[in-house]
N, C-alpha and C. Protein backbone atom coordinates (compact mmCIF):
# COMPACT_ATOMS: atom_id res chain seq x y z
N MET A 1 -16.83 6.94 11.85
CA MET A 1 -16.36 5.54 10.91
C MET A 1 -17.86 5.41 11.10
N ASP A 2 -18.20 4.73 9.69
CA ASP A 2 -19.57 4.20 9.38
C ASP A 2 -19.83 3.10 10.58
N ARG A 3 -20.96 3.06 11.01
CA ARG A 3 -21.52 2.06 11.90
C ARG A 3 -21.66 0.60 11.28
N ARG A 4 -22.33 1.05 10.13
CA ARG A 4 -22.90 -0.08 9.28
C ARG A 4 -21.72 -0.66 8.73
N PHE A 5 -20.61 -0.32 8.21
CA PHE A 5 -19.69 -0.85 7.73
C PHE A 5 -18.89 -1.42 9.04
N ARG A 6 -18.64 -0.92 10.22
CA ARG A 6 -18.10 -1.54 11.47
C ARG A 6 -18.78 -3.03 11.99
N ALA A 7 -20.05 -3.01 11.67
CA ALA A 7 -20.81 -3.98 11.98
C ALA A 7 -20.57 -5.09 11.35
N ALA A 8 -20.59 -4.58 9.79
CA ALA A 8 -20.33 -6.26 9.13
C ALA A 8 -18.87 -6.36 8.79
N THR A 9 -17.86 -5.71 9.38
CA THR A 9 -16.58 -5.96 9.39
C THR A 9 -16.15 -6.60 10.88
N ALA A 10 -14.75 -6.98 10.24
CA ALA A 10 -14.20 -7.49 11.72
C ALA A 10 -12.37 -6.95 11.55
N ASP A 11 -12.09 -6.68 12.52
CA ASP A 11 -10.57 -5.45 12.42
C ASP A 11 -9.69 -6.71 12.92
N ASP A 12 -8.95 -6.63 12.17
CA ASP A 12 -7.70 -7.80 12.65
C ASP A 12 -6.15 -6.94 12.23
N ASP A 13 -6.24 -5.99 11.99
CA ASP A 13 -5.26 -5.02 11.90
C ASP A 13 -4.43 -5.11 10.56
N GLY A 14 -5.07 -5.44 9.58
CA GLY A 14 -4.82 -5.90 8.43
C GLY A 14 -4.24 -7.42 8.26
N VAL A 15 -4.01 -8.03 9.38
CA VAL A 15 -3.26 -9.29 8.89
C VAL A 15 -3.54 -10.11 7.99
N ALA A 16 -4.85 -10.67 7.93
CA ALA A 16 -5.44 -11.39 6.98
C ALA A 16 -5.15 -10.87 5.37
N LEU A 17 -5.61 -9.49 4.98
CA LEU A 17 -5.54 -8.80 3.97
C LEU A 17 -4.20 -8.62 3.58
N ASP A 18 -3.03 -8.46 4.54
CA ASP A 18 -1.79 -8.34 4.34
C ASP A 18 -1.39 -9.21 3.10
N ARG A 19 -1.71 -10.61 3.31
CA ARG A 19 -1.29 -11.87 3.00
C ARG A 19 -1.47 -11.82 1.21
N PHE A 20 -2.13 -10.44 0.84
CA PHE A 20 -2.70 -10.59 -0.70
C PHE A 20 -2.67 -9.06 -1.10
N HIS A 21 -2.45 -8.14 -0.10
CA HIS A 21 -2.46 -6.75 -0.59
C HIS A 21 -1.14 -5.97 0.46
N ARG A 22 -0.76 -4.78 0.07
CA ARG A 22 -0.34 -4.31 0.70
C ARG A 22 -0.61 -3.29 1.48
N ILE A 23 -0.77 -3.68 2.74
CA ILE A 23 -1.41 -2.52 3.73
C ILE A 23 -1.12 -1.39 3.63
N PRO A 24 -2.17 -0.17 3.53
CA PRO A 24 -1.72 1.36 3.63
C PRO A 24 -1.57 1.60 5.00
N PRO A 25 -0.96 3.02 5.16
CA PRO A 25 -0.67 3.18 7.15
C PRO A 25 -2.10 3.31 7.36
N PRO A 26 -1.71 3.61 8.62
CA PRO A 26 -3.20 3.05 9.73
C PRO A 26 -4.24 4.03 9.44
N GLU A 27 -4.18 5.22 8.75
CA GLU A 27 -5.24 6.40 8.51
C GLU A 27 -6.33 6.10 7.30
N LEU A 28 -5.97 4.94 6.81
CA LEU A 28 -6.92 4.27 5.79
C LEU A 28 -7.12 2.80 6.52
N TRP A 29 -7.94 3.07 7.72
CA TRP A 29 -8.58 2.35 8.56
C TRP A 29 -9.03 1.03 7.94
N TRP A 30 -9.77 1.32 6.83
CA TRP A 30 -10.81 0.24 6.48
C TRP A 30 -10.10 -1.02 5.38
N TRP A 31 -8.44 -0.71 5.49
CA TRP A 31 -7.99 -1.64 4.82
C TRP A 31 -7.69 -2.69 5.99
N ARG A 32 -7.96 -2.41 7.01
CA ARG A 32 -7.80 -3.36 8.03
C ARG A 32 -8.63 -3.95 8.59
N ARG A 33 -9.76 -4.12 7.93
CA ARG A 33 -10.88 -4.96 8.19
C ARG A 33 -11.38 -5.68 7.06
N HIS A 34 -12.09 -6.76 7.62
CA HIS A 34 -12.49 -7.64 6.53
C HIS A 34 -14.18 -8.18 7.16
N PRO A 35 -14.95 -8.58 6.00
CA PRO A 35 -16.03 -9.02 6.52
C PRO A 35 -16.25 -10.23 7.20
N ARG A 36 -17.11 -9.96 8.00
CA ARG A 36 -17.64 -10.89 9.25
C ARG A 36 -17.75 -12.20 8.79
N VAL A 37 -18.81 -12.24 7.67
CA VAL A 37 -19.39 -13.18 6.84
C VAL A 37 -18.39 -13.51 5.82
N LEU A 38 -17.55 -14.37 5.73
CA LEU A 38 -16.67 -14.93 4.83
C LEU A 38 -17.44 -15.99 4.03
N VAL A 39 -17.58 -15.67 2.58
CA VAL A 39 -18.31 -16.64 1.50
C VAL A 39 -17.39 -16.77 0.39
N GLY A 40 -17.57 -17.57 -0.42
CA GLY A 40 -16.71 -17.63 -1.84
C GLY A 40 -15.40 -17.57 -1.84
N ASP A 41 -15.03 -16.94 -3.07
CA ASP A 41 -13.36 -16.63 -2.61
C ASP A 41 -12.73 -16.27 -1.66
N LEU A 42 -13.06 -14.87 -1.35
CA LEU A 42 -12.61 -14.74 -0.47
C LEU A 42 -12.49 -15.41 1.07
N GLY A 43 -13.79 -15.92 1.25
CA GLY A 43 -14.01 -16.51 2.22
C GLY A 43 -12.84 -17.97 2.36
N ARG A 44 -12.91 -18.61 1.27
CA ARG A 44 -11.70 -19.52 1.44
C ARG A 44 -10.34 -19.12 1.28
N ALA A 45 -9.93 -17.92 0.91
CA ALA A 45 -8.49 -17.29 0.96
C ALA A 45 -8.54 -16.87 2.05
N LEU A 46 -8.98 -16.33 3.43
CA LEU A 46 -9.24 -15.58 4.33
C LEU A 46 -9.31 -16.77 5.49
N ARG A 47 -10.19 -17.55 5.58
CA ARG A 47 -10.66 -18.39 6.67
C ARG A 47 -9.47 -19.06 7.14
N PRO A 48 -8.59 -19.48 6.49
CA PRO A 48 -7.33 -20.36 7.24
C PRO A 48 -6.33 -19.58 7.73
N LEU A 49 -6.78 -18.04 7.67
CA LEU A 49 -5.63 -17.10 8.10
C LEU A 49 -6.02 -16.41 9.41
N LEU A 50 -7.13 -16.81 9.69
CA LEU A 50 -7.46 -16.17 10.81
C LEU A 50 -7.77 -16.73 12.17
């Protein structure tokens, strides 16, 4: 796992993003992470779900 990507994102097992996209199988681990710093449209959409 790329350390920079991991440091810049938070793992929520895909819970927040699953509201918007069907989350692929576990081997596609990056779909289960979202940015730590939430801004703009993405921030407004995800913040209430976290």
